[in-house]
């Protein structure tokens, strides 16, 4: 019996698998594709008409390890004020106040 070819998922199928609209994928940093069908530019970029595909396992691993909704991935570590530190708030009207 002939071996079945590998099955790769398109962007639409990628979006369906993680439960988002296909247009939302443009805002995500997707994993590198497992396969590219069509020509590539000399600099390695993917031109229009070239199709990328991902294995289901690649998508599942990426989705399990991606930052959560609203995560600030640009922050380096926890920035918290020490307990008891006072934060100055700009005065409102002519009455200034201190907030803990």
C-alpha atoms as a PDB file:
ATOM      1  CA  UNK A   1       0.000   0.000   0.000  1.00  0.00           C
ATOM      2  CA  UNK A   2       1.470   3.414  -0.928  1.00  0.00           C
ATOM      3  CA  UNK A   3       2.497   5.732   1.887  1.00  0.00           C
ATOM      4  CA  UNK A   4       0.117   8.626   2.526  1.00  0.00           C
ATOM      5  CA  UNK A   5       1.599  12.055   1.802  1.00  0.00           C
ATOM      6  CA  UNK A   6       2.119  14.447   4.716  1.00  0.00           C
ATOM      7  CA  UNK A   7      -0.803  16.810   5.329  1.00  0.00           C
ATOM      8  CA  UNK A   8      -0.015  20.453   6.009  1.00  0.00           C
ATOM      9  CA  UNK A   9      -2.469  23.079   7.196  1.00  0.00           C
ATOM     10  CA  UNK A  10      -3.028  26.412   5.428  1.00  0.00           C
ATOM     11  CA  UNK A  11      -3.381  29.792   7.170  1.00  0.00           C
ATOM     12  CA  UNK A  12      -7.172  29.388   7.245  1.00  0.00           C
ATOM     13  CA  UNK A  13      -6.846  25.930   8.799  1.00  0.00           C
ATOM     14  CA  UNK A  14      -4.180  27.291  11.194  1.00  0.00           C
ATOM     15  CA  UNK A  15      -6.641  29.955  12.375  1.00  0.00           C
ATOM     16  CA  UNK A  16      -9.462  27.423  12.751  1.00  0.00           C
ATOM     17  CA  UNK A  17      -7.213  25.135  14.783  1.00  0.00           C
ATOM     18  CA  UNK A  18      -6.356  27.836  17.346  1.00  0.00           C
ATOM     19  CA  UNK A  19      -9.859  29.358  17.335  1.00  0.00           C
ATOM     20  CA  UNK A  20      -9.269  32.769  15.752  1.00  0.00           C
ATOM     21  CA  UNK A  21     -10.304  34.523  12.564  1.00  0.00           C
ATOM     22  CA  UNK A  22      -7.816  34.117   9.680  1.00  0.00           C
ATOM     23  CA  UNK A  23      -7.191  37.879   9.577  1.00  0.00           C
ATOM     24  CA  UNK A  24      -5.974  37.795  13.193  1.00  0.00           C
ATOM     25  CA  UNK A  25      -2.940  35.739  12.161  1.00  0.00           C
ATOM     26  CA  UNK A  26      -1.350  38.820  10.621  1.00  0.00           C
ATOM     27  CA  UNK A  27      -0.941  40.212  14.159  1.00  0.00           C
ATOM     28  CA  UNK A  28       0.801  37.071  15.460  1.00  0.00           C
ATOM     29  CA  UNK A  29       4.427  36.041  15.152  1.00  0.00           C
ATOM     30  CA  UNK A  30       3.777  32.641  13.588  1.00  0.00           C
ATOM     31  CA  UNK A  31       6.213  29.744  13.717  1.00  0.00           C
ATOM     32  CA  UNK A  32       8.282  29.119  10.602  1.00  0.00           C
ATOM     33  CA  UNK A  33       6.324  27.046   8.075  1.00  0.00           C
ATOM     34  CA  UNK A  34       7.085  23.348   7.769  1.00  0.00           C
ATOM     35  CA  UNK A  35       6.685  23.572   3.992  1.00  0.00           C
ATOM     36  CA  UNK A  36       6.658  26.306   1.338  1.00  0.00           C
ATOM     37  CA  UNK A  37       4.966  25.602  -1.988  1.00  0.00           C
ATOM     38  CA  UNK A  38       5.975  27.974  -4.761  1.00  0.00           C
ATOM     39  CA  UNK A  39       8.870  30.303  -5.486  1.00  0.00           C
ATOM     40  CA  UNK A  40      10.875  32.279  -2.929  1.00  0.00           C
ATOM     41  CA  UNK A  41      12.480  35.675  -3.498  1.00  0.00           C
ATOM     42  CA  UNK A  42      16.279  35.819  -3.677  1.00  0.00           C
ATOM     43  CA  UNK A  43      16.353  37.313  -0.155  1.00  0.00           C
ATOM     44  CA  UNK A  44      14.269  34.423   1.240  1.00  0.00           C
ATOM     45  CA  UNK A  45      10.997  36.330   1.591  1.00  0.00           C
ATOM     46  CA  UNK A  46       7.749  34.766   0.423  1.00  0.00           C
ATOM     47  CA  UNK A  47       6.059  36.474  -2.555  1.00  0.00           C
ATOM     48  CA  UNK A  48       2.327  36.586  -3.239  1.00  0.00           C
ATOM     49  CA  UNK A  49       1.040  33.306  -4.568  1.00  0.00           C
ATOM     50  CA  UNK A  50       3.477  31.200  -2.563  1.00  0.00           C
ATOM     51  CA  UNK A  51       1.743  29.066   0.056  1.00  0.00           C
ATOM     52  CA  UNK A  52       3.022  28.188   3.522  1.00  0.00           C
ATOM     53  CA  UNK A  53       1.958  25.066   5.393  1.00  0.00           C
ATOM     54  CA  UNK A  54       2.275  23.840   8.975  1.00  0.00           C
ATOM     55  CA  UNK A  55       1.999  20.417  10.512  1.00  0.00           C
ATOM     56  CA  UNK A  56      -0.746  20.130  13.153  1.00  0.00           C
ATOM     57  CA  UNK A  57       1.931  19.299  15.760  1.00  0.00           C
ATOM     58  CA  UNK A  58       3.825  22.524  14.939  1.00  0.00           C
ATOM     59  CA  UNK A  59       0.671  24.601  15.409  1.00  0.00           C
ATOM     60  CA  UNK A  60      -0.264  22.847  18.656  1.00  0.00           C
ATOM     61  CA  UNK A  61       3.223  23.342  20.141  1.00  0.00           C
ATOM     62  CA  UNK A  62       3.314  27.005  19.106  1.00  0.00           C
ATOM     63  CA  UNK A  63      -0.175  27.635  20.497  1.00  0.00           C
ATOM     64  CA  UNK A  64       0.640  25.946  23.826  1.00  0.00           C
ATOM     65  CA  UNK A  65       3.747  28.115  24.298  1.00  0.00           C
ATOM     66  CA  UNK A  66       2.695  31.501  22.952  1.00  0.00           C
ATOM     67  CA  UNK A  67       2.165  34.454  25.311  1.00  0.00           C
ATOM     68  CA  UNK A  68      -1.365  34.986  26.570  1.00  0.00           C
ATOM     69  CA  UNK A  69      -3.770  37.654  25.440  1.00  0.00           C
ATOM     70  CA  UNK A  70      -2.442  41.151  26.087  1.00  0.00           C
ATOM     71  CA  UNK A  71       0.962  39.910  27.248  1.00  0.00           C
ATOM     72  CA  UNK A  72       3.664  42.583  27.064  1.00  0.00           C
ATOM     73  CA  UNK A  73       6.505  40.580  25.564  1.00  0.00           C
ATOM     74  CA  UNK A  74       8.681  43.697  25.315  1.00  0.00           C
ATOM     75  CA  UNK A  75       9.079  43.962  29.098  1.00  0.00           C
ATOM     76  CA  UNK A  76      12.201  42.383  30.556  1.00  0.00           C
ATOM     77  CA  UNK A  77      11.170  41.551  34.104  1.00  0.00           C
ATOM     78  CA  UNK A  78       8.861  42.494  36.950  1.00  0.00           C
ATOM     79  CA  UNK A  79       8.852  46.219  37.693  1.00  0.00           C
ATOM     80  CA  UNK A  80       7.077  46.694  40.956  1.00  0.00           C
ATOM     81  CA  UNK A  81       7.268  49.465  43.483  1.00  0.00           C
ATOM     82  CA  UNK A  82       8.601  48.342  46.830  1.00  0.00           C
ATOM     83  CA  UNK A  83       5.917  47.799  49.464  1.00  0.00           C
ATOM     84  CA  UNK A  84       5.150  51.099  51.170  1.00  0.00           C
ATOM     85  CA  UNK A  85       6.577  53.219  48.358  1.00  0.00           C
ATOM     86  CA  UNK A  86       4.667  56.409  47.694  1.00  0.00           C
ATOM     87  CA  UNK A  87       3.603  57.357  44.202  1.00  0.00           C
ATOM     88  CA  UNK A  88       3.069  61.026  43.474  1.00  0.00           C
ATOM     89  CA  UNK A  89      -0.083  61.852  41.551  1.00  0.00           C
ATOM     90  CA  UNK A  90      -0.331  65.135  39.646  1.00  0.00           C
ATOM     91  CA  UNK A  91      -2.451  67.666  41.530  1.00  0.00           C
ATOM     92  CA  UNK A  92      -6.123  67.857  40.654  1.00  0.00           C
ATOM     93  CA  UNK A  93      -7.247  71.441  40.702  1.00  0.00           C
ATOM     94  CA  UNK A  94      -5.431  73.163  43.545  1.00  0.00           C
ATOM     95  CA  UNK A  95      -5.479  70.166  45.920  1.00  0.00           C
ATOM     96  CA  UNK A  96      -2.487  67.833  45.671  1.00  0.00           C
ATOM     97  CA  UNK A  97      -2.651  64.352  47.180  1.00  0.00           C
ATOM     98  CA  UNK A  98      -0.410  61.418  47.899  1.00  0.00           C
ATOM     99  CA  UNK A  99      -1.390  57.876  46.948  1.00  0.00           C
ATOM    100  CA  UNK A 100       0.062  54.701  48.421  1.00  0.00           C
END
